[in-house]
């Protein structure tokens, strides 16, 4: 099995979406085809990031993969200066911890974007559009980008917030996810 950034994109959406979805609904929300979604779910099951007989996330393994693997599997390369949608430490929720003061910020290239900065390729080309539909999903993608391209303090803050968001369910219910 080869790692695919689409899988991280799908897993982050599953992490913030309530259970009880259909492939058609989720594919529409992610702006991908149902067949792409099916393949991603299959790969994630094989990798142990989803439960074997369902599409329920194994939250601790996902968090560990985000913390220890995503940065190396999908490294961020800074691109040209352009307008786009803020990501990493320039997007919620990290933007409140690390104010920008009109500095050049990391952005996903996006024709509707109003922030000026250096281009960062998102985990999936449809991330800006799908993020506009779901603020929680946007925050998880931006936090993941902070792990991919942020400095140590930004990475550490993103890791802490993702730990709270991804593992909160496990800690409050007392069961492993």
N, C-alpha and C. Protein backbone atom coordinates (compact mmCIF):
# COMPACT_ATOMS: atom_id res chain seq x y z
N UNK A 1 0.83 -1.18 0.00
CA UNK A 1 0.00 0.00 0.00
C UNK A 1 0.88 1.25 0.00
N UNK A 2 0.59 2.18 -0.86
CA UNK A 2 1.31 3.44 -0.90
C UNK A 2 0.52 4.50 -0.17
N UNK A 3 1.22 5.33 0.57
CA UNK A 3 0.57 6.44 1.26
C UNK A 3 0.07 7.44 0.23
N UNK A 4 -1.06 8.05 0.54
CA UNK A 4 -1.67 9.00 -0.37
C UNK A 4 -2.19 10.17 0.47
N UNK A 5 -1.88 11.38 0.07
CA UNK A 5 -2.34 12.53 0.85
C UNK A 5 -3.87 12.61 0.88
N UNK A 6 -4.53 12.04 -0.11
CA UNK A 6 -5.98 11.98 -0.10
C UNK A 6 -6.49 11.26 1.15
N UNK A 7 -5.75 10.25 1.58
CA UNK A 7 -6.17 9.48 2.75
C UNK A 7 -6.18 10.33 4.01
N UNK A 8 -5.20 11.18 4.18
CA UNK A 8 -5.16 12.08 5.33
C UNK A 8 -6.31 13.08 5.23
N UNK A 9 -6.55 13.59 4.05
CA UNK A 9 -7.66 14.51 3.79
C UNK A 9 -8.99 13.88 4.21
N UNK A 10 -9.21 12.64 3.79
CA UNK A 10 -10.44 11.92 4.13
C UNK A 10 -10.51 11.64 5.63
N UNK A 11 -9.41 11.18 6.22
CA UNK A 11 -9.41 10.85 7.64
C UNK A 11 -9.70 12.08 8.51
N UNK A 12 -9.16 13.22 8.13
CA UNK A 12 -9.43 14.44 8.91
C UNK A 12 -10.90 14.83 8.81
N UNK A 13 -11.50 14.62 7.66
CA UNK A 13 -12.93 14.90 7.52
C UNK A 13 -13.75 13.94 8.39
N UNK A 14 -13.38 12.67 8.38
CA UNK A 14 -14.08 11.70 9.22
C UNK A 14 -13.93 12.03 10.70
N UNK A 15 -12.81 12.61 11.07
CA UNK A 15 -12.56 12.94 12.48
C UNK A 15 -13.49 14.04 12.98
N UNK A 16 -13.95 14.92 12.10
CA UNK A 16 -14.80 16.03 12.53
C UNK A 16 -16.27 15.83 12.15
N UNK A 17 -16.54 14.82 11.37
CA UNK A 17 -17.91 14.59 10.89
C UNK A 17 -18.62 13.60 11.79
N UNK A 18 -19.89 13.85 12.09
CA UNK A 18 -20.66 12.87 12.87
C UNK A 18 -20.77 11.54 12.12
N UNK A 19 -20.90 10.47 12.88
CA UNK A 19 -21.07 9.16 12.26
C UNK A 19 -22.41 9.11 11.53
N UNK A 20 -22.57 8.10 10.68
CA UNK A 20 -23.83 7.95 9.97
C UNK A 20 -23.83 8.60 8.60
N UNK A 21 -22.74 8.51 7.88
CA UNK A 21 -22.65 9.11 6.56
C UNK A 21 -22.72 8.03 5.48
N UNK A 22 -22.99 8.45 4.28
CA UNK A 22 -22.91 7.55 3.13
C UNK A 22 -21.72 7.97 2.28
N UNK A 23 -21.25 7.06 1.44
CA UNK A 23 -20.14 7.40 0.56
C UNK A 23 -20.48 8.57 -0.35
N UNK A 24 -21.70 8.58 -0.85
CA UNK A 24 -22.11 9.67 -1.75
C UNK A 24 -22.10 11.01 -1.03
N UNK A 25 -22.63 11.05 0.21
CA UNK A 25 -22.65 12.30 0.98
C UNK A 25 -21.23 12.79 1.28
N UNK A 26 -20.40 11.88 1.78
CA UNK A 26 -19.05 12.28 2.17
C UNK A 26 -18.22 12.70 0.95
N UNK A 27 -18.36 11.97 -0.14
CA UNK A 27 -17.64 12.35 -1.37
C UNK A 27 -18.04 13.74 -1.83
N UNK A 28 -19.33 14.04 -1.73
CA UNK A 28 -19.81 15.37 -2.13
C UNK A 28 -19.21 16.45 -1.24
N UNK A 29 -19.15 16.21 0.08
CA UNK A 29 -18.58 17.18 1.01
C UNK A 29 -17.09 17.39 0.78
N UNK A 30 -16.40 16.33 0.37
CA UNK A 30 -14.95 16.41 0.12
C UNK A 30 -14.62 16.85 -1.30
N UNK A 31 -15.66 16.93 -2.15
CA UNK A 31 -15.50 17.32 -3.55
C UNK A 31 -14.61 16.33 -4.31
N UNK A 32 -14.80 15.05 -3.99
CA UNK A 32 -14.10 13.97 -4.69
C UNK A 32 -15.13 12.97 -5.18
N UNK A 33 -14.71 12.01 -5.98
CA UNK A 33 -15.64 11.00 -6.47
C UNK A 33 -15.84 9.91 -5.42
N UNK A 34 -17.00 9.25 -5.45
CA UNK A 34 -17.21 8.14 -4.52
C UNK A 34 -16.16 7.03 -4.66
N UNK A 35 -15.69 6.80 -5.88
CA UNK A 35 -14.66 5.75 -6.06
C UNK A 35 -13.35 6.16 -5.40
N UNK A 36 -12.97 7.43 -5.46
CA UNK A 36 -11.77 7.89 -4.76
C UNK A 36 -11.93 7.69 -3.25
N UNK A 37 -13.13 7.98 -2.75
CA UNK A 37 -13.40 7.81 -1.33
C UNK A 37 -13.32 6.33 -0.94
N UNK A 38 -13.91 5.44 -1.73
CA UNK A 38 -13.85 4.00 -1.45
C UNK A 38 -12.40 3.53 -1.38
N UNK A 39 -11.59 3.94 -2.34
CA UNK A 39 -10.18 3.54 -2.36
C UNK A 39 -9.43 4.06 -1.15
N UNK A 40 -9.72 5.30 -0.77
CA UNK A 40 -9.06 5.89 0.39
C UNK A 40 -9.44 5.14 1.67
N UNK A 41 -10.72 4.84 1.83
CA UNK A 41 -11.17 4.10 3.01
C UNK A 41 -10.50 2.73 3.06
N UNK A 42 -10.38 2.06 1.92
CA UNK A 42 -9.72 0.76 1.87
C UNK A 42 -8.26 0.86 2.31
N UNK A 43 -7.55 1.86 1.77
CA UNK A 43 -6.13 2.04 2.15
C UNK A 43 -5.99 2.34 3.64
N UNK A 44 -6.89 3.17 4.16
CA UNK A 44 -6.83 3.54 5.58
C UNK A 44 -7.12 2.35 6.48
N UNK A 45 -8.02 1.47 6.06
CA UNK A 45 -8.26 0.23 6.82
C UNK A 45 -7.00 -0.63 6.81
N UNK A 46 -6.40 -0.79 5.64
CA UNK A 46 -5.19 -1.61 5.52
C UNK A 46 -4.06 -1.06 6.38
N UNK A 47 -4.01 0.26 6.52
CA UNK A 47 -2.96 0.90 7.32
C UNK A 47 -3.27 0.88 8.81
N UNK A 48 -4.47 0.44 9.19
CA UNK A 48 -4.84 0.40 10.59
C UNK A 48 -5.32 1.73 11.15
N UNK A 49 -5.67 2.66 10.26
CA UNK A 49 -6.16 3.95 10.71
C UNK A 49 -7.68 4.00 10.82
N UNK A 50 -8.34 2.99 10.26
CA UNK A 50 -9.79 2.81 10.41
C UNK A 50 -10.03 1.40 10.95
N UNK A 51 -11.14 1.24 11.65
CA UNK A 51 -11.51 -0.08 12.15
C UNK A 51 -11.70 -1.02 10.97
N UNK A 52 -11.36 -2.31 11.13
CA UNK A 52 -11.40 -3.25 10.00
C UNK A 52 -12.76 -3.40 9.32
N UNK A 53 -13.83 -3.41 10.08
CA UNK A 53 -15.14 -3.69 9.49
C UNK A 53 -16.05 -2.47 9.41
N UNK A 54 -15.47 -1.29 9.58
CA UNK A 54 -16.28 -0.07 9.51
C UNK A 54 -15.39 1.07 9.03
N UNK A 55 -15.96 2.25 8.99
CA UNK A 55 -15.17 3.43 8.64
C UNK A 55 -14.99 4.30 9.88
N UNK A 56 -14.93 3.66 11.05
CA UNK A 56 -14.71 4.39 12.29
C UNK A 56 -13.20 4.59 12.49
N UNK A 57 -12.84 5.82 12.78
CA UNK A 57 -11.43 6.18 12.93
C UNK A 57 -10.82 5.57 14.18
N UNK A 58 -9.62 5.10 14.04
CA UNK A 58 -8.80 4.73 15.20
C UNK A 58 -8.01 6.00 15.52
N UNK A 59 -8.50 6.76 16.48
CA UNK A 59 -8.03 8.12 16.73
C UNK A 59 -6.57 8.20 17.19
N UNK A 60 -6.15 7.34 18.08
CA UNK A 60 -4.76 7.41 18.54
C UNK A 60 -3.78 7.12 17.39
N UNK A 61 -3.98 6.05 16.61
CA UNK A 61 -3.08 5.85 15.47
C UNK A 61 -3.09 7.01 14.48
N UNK A 62 -4.26 7.61 14.25
CA UNK A 62 -4.32 8.76 13.35
C UNK A 62 -3.50 9.91 13.92
N UNK A 63 -3.69 10.22 15.19
CA UNK A 63 -2.93 11.30 15.81
C UNK A 63 -1.42 11.02 15.71
N UNK A 64 -1.02 9.79 16.00
CA UNK A 64 0.40 9.43 15.91
C UNK A 64 0.93 9.61 14.49
N UNK A 65 0.12 9.23 13.50
CA UNK A 65 0.54 9.41 12.12
C UNK A 65 0.69 10.88 11.76
N UNK A 66 -0.26 11.69 12.22
CA UNK A 66 -0.16 13.13 11.96
C UNK A 66 1.08 13.72 12.61
N UNK A 67 1.37 13.32 13.83
CA UNK A 67 2.49 13.88 14.57
C UNK A 67 3.83 13.39 14.03
N UNK A 68 3.93 12.10 13.75
CA UNK A 68 5.23 11.52 13.42
C UNK A 68 5.44 11.18 11.95
N UNK A 69 4.38 11.16 11.14
CA UNK A 69 4.55 10.70 9.77
C UNK A 69 4.25 11.70 8.67
N UNK A 70 3.22 12.51 8.86
CA UNK A 70 2.75 13.38 7.78
C UNK A 70 3.83 14.34 7.30
N UNK A 71 4.58 14.85 8.22
CA UNK A 71 5.64 15.82 7.88
C UNK A 71 6.66 15.22 6.91
N UNK A 72 6.89 13.92 7.04
CA UNK A 72 7.88 13.25 6.19
C UNK A 72 7.24 12.63 4.94
N UNK A 73 6.02 12.14 5.08
CA UNK A 73 5.34 11.53 3.94
C UNK A 73 4.88 12.57 2.93
N UNK A 74 4.46 13.75 3.44
CA UNK A 74 3.94 14.80 2.57
C UNK A 74 4.57 16.13 2.95
N UNK A 75 5.86 16.26 2.71
CA UNK A 75 6.53 17.50 3.11
C UNK A 75 5.98 18.71 2.36
N UNK A 76 6.04 19.83 3.03
CA UNK A 76 5.56 21.07 2.44
C UNK A 76 6.73 21.78 1.76
N UNK A 77 6.48 22.24 0.56
CA UNK A 77 7.47 23.01 -0.17
C UNK A 77 6.85 24.38 -0.43
N UNK A 78 7.55 25.42 -0.01
CA UNK A 78 7.04 26.78 -0.22
C UNK A 78 7.11 27.15 -1.68
N UNK A 79 6.04 27.77 -2.15
CA UNK A 79 5.98 28.18 -3.54
C UNK A 79 6.05 29.69 -3.68
N UNK A 80 5.63 30.15 -4.84
CA UNK A 80 5.66 31.57 -5.17
C UNK A 80 4.70 32.37 -4.30
N UNK A 81 4.94 33.66 -4.21
CA UNK A 81 4.03 34.55 -3.50
C UNK A 81 2.77 34.74 -4.34
N UNK A 82 1.62 34.63 -3.66
CA UNK A 82 0.35 34.78 -4.35
C UNK A 82 -0.77 34.94 -3.34
N UNK A 83 -1.97 35.18 -3.84
CA UNK A 83 -3.14 35.25 -2.98
C UNK A 83 -3.72 33.86 -2.80
N UNK A 84 -4.27 33.63 -1.62
CA UNK A 84 -4.86 32.33 -1.36
C UNK A 84 -5.56 32.31 -0.01
N UNK A 85 -5.83 31.11 0.44
CA UNK A 85 -6.52 30.89 1.72
C UNK A 85 -5.47 30.58 2.78
N UNK A 86 -5.48 31.31 3.90
CA UNK A 86 -4.47 31.08 4.94
C UNK A 86 -4.48 29.64 5.45
N UNK A 87 -3.31 29.15 5.78
CA UNK A 87 -3.18 27.82 6.35
C UNK A 87 -2.10 27.84 7.43
N UNK A 88 -1.85 26.71 8.03
CA UNK A 88 -0.85 26.56 9.08
C UNK A 88 -1.12 27.56 10.22
N UNK A 89 -0.10 28.26 10.66
CA UNK A 89 -0.23 29.19 11.78
C UNK A 89 -0.99 30.48 11.43
N UNK A 90 -1.29 30.69 10.15
CA UNK A 90 -2.04 31.88 9.73
C UNK A 90 -3.55 31.65 9.69
N UNK A 91 -3.97 30.41 9.97
CA UNK A 91 -5.40 30.04 9.93
C UNK A 91 -5.88 29.70 11.34
N UNK A 92 -7.19 29.72 11.52
CA UNK A 92 -7.73 29.31 12.83
C UNK A 92 -7.37 27.85 13.11
N UNK A 93 -7.11 27.50 14.33
CA UNK A 93 -7.12 28.31 15.54
C UNK A 93 -5.76 28.92 15.90
N UNK A 94 -4.72 28.58 15.15
CA UNK A 94 -3.38 29.06 15.50
C UNK A 94 -3.18 30.54 15.24
N UNK A 95 -3.98 31.15 14.39
CA UNK A 95 -3.80 32.57 14.09
C UNK A 95 -3.99 33.44 15.33
N UNK A 96 -4.74 32.95 16.29
CA UNK A 96 -4.92 33.71 17.54
C UNK A 96 -3.69 33.58 18.46
N UNK A 97 -2.98 32.48 18.35
CA UNK A 97 -1.77 32.28 19.16
C UNK A 97 -0.55 32.95 18.54
N UNK A 98 -0.55 33.04 17.21
CA UNK A 98 0.59 33.59 16.47
C UNK A 98 0.12 34.69 15.52
N UNK A 99 -0.21 35.89 16.05
CA UNK A 99 -0.68 36.98 15.19
C UNK A 99 0.35 37.31 14.10
N UNK A 100 -0.16 37.68 12.92
CA UNK A 100 0.71 37.87 11.76
C UNK A 100 1.22 39.29 11.55
N UNK A 101 0.49 40.31 11.96
CA UNK A 101 0.92 41.69 11.79
C UNK A 101 1.35 41.99 10.36
N UNK A 102 0.50 41.63 9.40
CA UNK A 102 0.73 41.93 7.98
C UNK A 102 1.98 41.27 7.41
N UNK A 103 2.43 40.20 7.99
CA UNK A 103 3.55 39.45 7.42
C UNK A 103 3.04 38.58 6.28
N UNK A 104 3.96 38.12 5.48
CA UNK A 104 3.61 37.17 4.43
C UNK A 104 3.35 35.83 5.11
N UNK A 105 2.23 35.22 4.79
CA UNK A 105 1.78 34.02 5.49
C UNK A 105 1.68 32.82 4.54
N UNK A 106 1.64 31.61 5.07
CA UNK A 106 1.42 30.45 4.21
C UNK A 106 -0.03 30.42 3.74
N UNK A 107 -0.23 30.18 2.45
CA UNK A 107 -1.57 30.14 1.87
C UNK A 107 -1.70 28.95 0.92
N UNK A 108 -2.91 28.41 0.85
CA UNK A 108 -3.24 27.47 -0.22
C UNK A 108 -3.60 28.31 -1.43
N UNK A 109 -3.00 28.06 -2.58
CA UNK A 109 -3.40 28.81 -3.76
C UNK A 109 -4.91 28.67 -3.99
N UNK A 110 -5.58 29.81 -4.14
CA UNK A 110 -7.03 29.80 -4.27
C UNK A 110 -7.47 31.13 -4.87
N UNK A 111 -8.22 31.05 -5.96
CA UNK A 111 -8.64 32.28 -6.63
C UNK A 111 -9.58 33.13 -5.78
N UNK A 112 -10.21 32.55 -4.78
CA UNK A 112 -11.10 33.32 -3.90
C UNK A 112 -10.37 33.82 -2.65
N UNK A 113 -9.11 33.44 -2.51
CA UNK A 113 -8.35 33.82 -1.32
C UNK A 113 -8.00 35.30 -1.28
N UNK A 114 -7.99 35.84 -0.09
CA UNK A 114 -7.69 37.27 0.09
C UNK A 114 -6.37 37.50 0.85
N UNK A 115 -5.76 36.44 1.34
CA UNK A 115 -4.49 36.57 2.06
C UNK A 115 -3.34 36.47 1.07
N UNK A 116 -2.28 37.24 1.33
CA UNK A 116 -1.11 37.22 0.46
C UNK A 116 0.00 36.47 1.17
N UNK A 117 0.60 35.54 0.46
CA UNK A 117 1.68 34.80 1.10
C UNK A 117 2.33 33.81 0.15
N UNK A 118 3.13 32.94 0.76
CA UNK A 118 3.82 31.93 -0.03
C UNK A 118 2.93 30.70 -0.15
N UNK A 119 2.89 30.16 -1.35
CA UNK A 119 2.01 29.03 -1.64
C UNK A 119 2.48 27.77 -0.93
N UNK A 120 1.52 27.07 -0.35
CA UNK A 120 1.75 25.76 0.26
C UNK A 120 0.74 24.83 -0.38
N UNK A 121 1.22 23.77 -1.00
CA UNK A 121 0.29 22.82 -1.62
C UNK A 121 -0.53 22.13 -0.53
N UNK A 122 -1.86 22.18 -0.64
CA UNK A 122 -2.69 21.49 0.36
C UNK A 122 -2.60 19.98 0.18
N UNK A 123 -3.08 19.25 1.18
CA UNK A 123 -3.08 17.79 1.08
C UNK A 123 -3.91 17.31 -0.10
N UNK A 124 -4.91 18.08 -0.48
CA UNK A 124 -5.72 17.76 -1.65
C UNK A 124 -6.07 19.06 -2.36
N UNK A 125 -6.09 19.07 -3.69
CA UNK A 125 -6.40 20.32 -4.41
C UNK A 125 -7.74 20.95 -4.06
N UNK A 126 -8.70 20.17 -3.62
CA UNK A 126 -10.03 20.70 -3.28
C UNK A 126 -10.12 21.18 -1.84
N UNK A 127 -9.03 21.15 -1.09
CA UNK A 127 -9.06 21.55 0.33
C UNK A 127 -9.62 22.96 0.55
N UNK A 128 -9.22 23.97 -0.23
CA UNK A 128 -9.79 25.30 0.02
C UNK A 128 -11.32 25.33 -0.14
N UNK A 129 -11.83 24.73 -1.20
CA UNK A 129 -13.27 24.74 -1.43
C UNK A 129 -14.01 23.95 -0.34
N UNK A 130 -13.51 22.77 -0.01
CA UNK A 130 -14.16 21.94 1.01
C UNK A 130 -14.07 22.60 2.39
N UNK A 131 -13.00 23.32 2.64
CA UNK A 131 -12.82 24.00 3.93
C UNK A 131 -13.82 25.13 4.12
N UNK A 132 -14.18 25.79 3.03
CA UNK A 132 -15.18 26.86 3.14
C UNK A 132 -16.55 26.31 3.55
N UNK A 133 -16.77 25.02 3.32
CA UNK A 133 -18.04 24.38 3.68
C UNK A 133 -18.06 23.85 5.11
N UNK A 134 -16.88 23.69 5.72
CA UNK A 134 -16.80 23.07 7.04
C UNK A 134 -15.64 23.67 7.84
N UNK A 135 -15.91 24.64 8.71
CA UNK A 135 -14.85 25.30 9.47
C UNK A 135 -14.02 24.36 10.35
N UNK A 136 -14.64 23.32 10.92
CA UNK A 136 -13.88 22.38 11.75
C UNK A 136 -12.87 21.61 10.90
N UNK A 137 -13.29 21.21 9.71
CA UNK A 137 -12.41 20.52 8.78
C UNK A 137 -11.25 21.43 8.38
N UNK A 138 -11.56 22.68 8.09
CA UNK A 138 -10.53 23.67 7.75
C UNK A 138 -9.49 23.76 8.86
N UNK A 139 -9.94 23.84 10.10
CA UNK A 139 -9.01 23.95 11.21
C UNK A 139 -8.11 22.72 11.31
N UNK A 140 -8.68 21.53 11.12
CA UNK A 140 -7.85 20.31 11.19
C UNK A 140 -6.83 20.26 10.06
N UNK A 141 -7.24 20.68 8.86
CA UNK A 141 -6.29 20.72 7.74
C UNK A 141 -5.18 21.74 8.00
N UNK A 142 -5.55 22.90 8.52
CA UNK A 142 -4.56 23.94 8.81
C UNK A 142 -3.62 23.50 9.93
N UNK A 143 -4.14 22.84 10.95
CA UNK A 143 -3.29 22.32 12.03
C UNK A 143 -2.31 21.28 11.48
N UNK A 144 -2.79 20.44 10.57
CA UNK A 144 -1.92 19.44 9.95
C UNK A 144 -0.84 20.13 9.12
N UNK A 145 -1.20 21.22 8.44
CA UNK A 145 -0.19 21.98 7.70
C UNK A 145 0.84 22.61 8.64
N UNK A 146 0.42 23.01 9.83
CA UNK A 146 1.38 23.56 10.79
C UNK A 146 2.40 22.49 11.19
N UNK A 147 1.97 21.24 11.25
CA UNK A 147 2.90 20.15 11.52
C UNK A 147 3.81 19.95 10.31
N UNK A 148 3.27 20.07 9.11
CA UNK A 148 4.03 19.87 7.89
C UNK A 148 5.04 20.98 7.64
N UNK A 149 4.66 22.25 7.92
CA UNK A 149 5.53 23.34 7.48
C UNK A 149 5.82 24.39 8.55
N UNK A 150 5.31 24.19 9.75
CA UNK A 150 5.52 25.19 10.79
C UNK A 150 6.86 25.08 11.49
N UNK A 151 7.19 26.14 12.20
CA UNK A 151 8.37 26.09 13.06
C UNK A 151 8.04 25.28 14.30
N UNK A 152 9.02 25.02 15.13
CA UNK A 152 8.83 24.14 16.28
C UNK A 152 7.68 24.58 17.17
N UNK A 153 7.60 25.85 17.50
CA UNK A 153 6.54 26.31 18.40
C UNK A 153 5.16 26.17 17.76
N UNK A 154 5.06 26.38 16.46
CA UNK A 154 3.79 26.23 15.76
C UNK A 154 3.40 24.75 15.66
N UNK A 155 4.39 23.91 15.36
CA UNK A 155 4.15 22.46 15.32
C UNK A 155 3.66 21.96 16.67
N UNK A 156 4.36 22.38 17.74
CA UNK A 156 3.98 21.92 19.08
C UNK A 156 2.57 22.37 19.46
N UNK A 157 2.21 23.58 19.12
CA UNK A 157 0.86 24.06 19.41
C UNK A 157 -0.17 23.26 18.61
N UNK A 158 0.12 23.00 17.33
CA UNK A 158 -0.80 22.23 16.49
C UNK A 158 -0.95 20.81 17.02
N UNK A 159 0.13 20.21 17.43
CA UNK A 159 0.09 18.85 17.98
C UNK A 159 -0.78 18.81 19.22
N UNK A 160 -0.63 19.78 20.09
CA UNK A 160 -1.41 19.83 21.32
C UNK A 160 -2.91 20.00 21.02
N UNK A 161 -3.24 20.88 20.11
CA UNK A 161 -4.65 21.11 19.77
C UNK A 161 -5.24 19.87 19.09
N UNK A 162 -4.49 19.26 18.18
CA UNK A 162 -4.99 18.05 17.53
C UNK A 162 -5.15 16.90 18.52
N UNK A 163 -4.25 16.83 19.48
CA UNK A 163 -4.38 15.80 20.51
C UNK A 163 -5.70 15.98 21.25
N UNK A 164 -6.00 17.19 21.63
CA UNK A 164 -7.25 17.46 22.33
C UNK A 164 -8.46 17.13 21.45
N UNK A 165 -8.41 17.54 20.20
CA UNK A 165 -9.57 17.33 19.32
C UNK A 165 -9.75 15.87 18.90
N UNK A 166 -8.68 15.21 18.60
CA UNK A 166 -8.80 13.83 18.11
C UNK A 166 -8.98 12.82 19.23
N UNK A 167 -8.36 13.08 20.37
CA UNK A 167 -8.39 12.10 21.44
C UNK A 167 -9.41 12.44 22.52
N UNK A 168 -10.06 13.59 22.41
CA UNK A 168 -11.05 14.01 23.41
C UNK A 168 -12.15 12.96 23.53
N UNK A 169 -12.63 12.44 22.42
CA UNK A 169 -13.69 11.43 22.44
C UNK A 169 -13.25 10.22 23.24
N UNK A 170 -12.03 9.79 23.03
CA UNK A 170 -11.49 8.62 23.73
C UNK A 170 -11.43 8.87 25.23
N UNK A 171 -10.98 10.06 25.63
CA UNK A 171 -10.83 10.36 27.05
C UNK A 171 -12.17 10.58 27.74
N UNK A 172 -13.13 11.17 27.06
CA UNK A 172 -14.41 11.46 27.71
C UNK A 172 -15.31 10.24 27.79
N UNK A 173 -15.15 9.27 26.88
CA UNK A 173 -15.99 8.09 26.92
C UNK A 173 -15.32 6.94 27.64
N UNK A 174 -14.01 7.03 27.82
CA UNK A 174 -13.28 5.97 28.50
C UNK A 174 -12.98 4.76 27.62
N UNK A 175 -13.30 4.85 26.31
CA UNK A 175 -12.99 3.72 25.45
C UNK A 175 -11.98 4.13 24.40
N UNK A 176 -11.23 3.17 23.98
CA UNK A 176 -10.25 3.45 22.93
C UNK A 176 -10.98 3.58 21.61
N UNK A 177 -10.53 4.52 20.81
CA UNK A 177 -11.16 4.73 19.51
C UNK A 177 -10.43 3.97 18.44
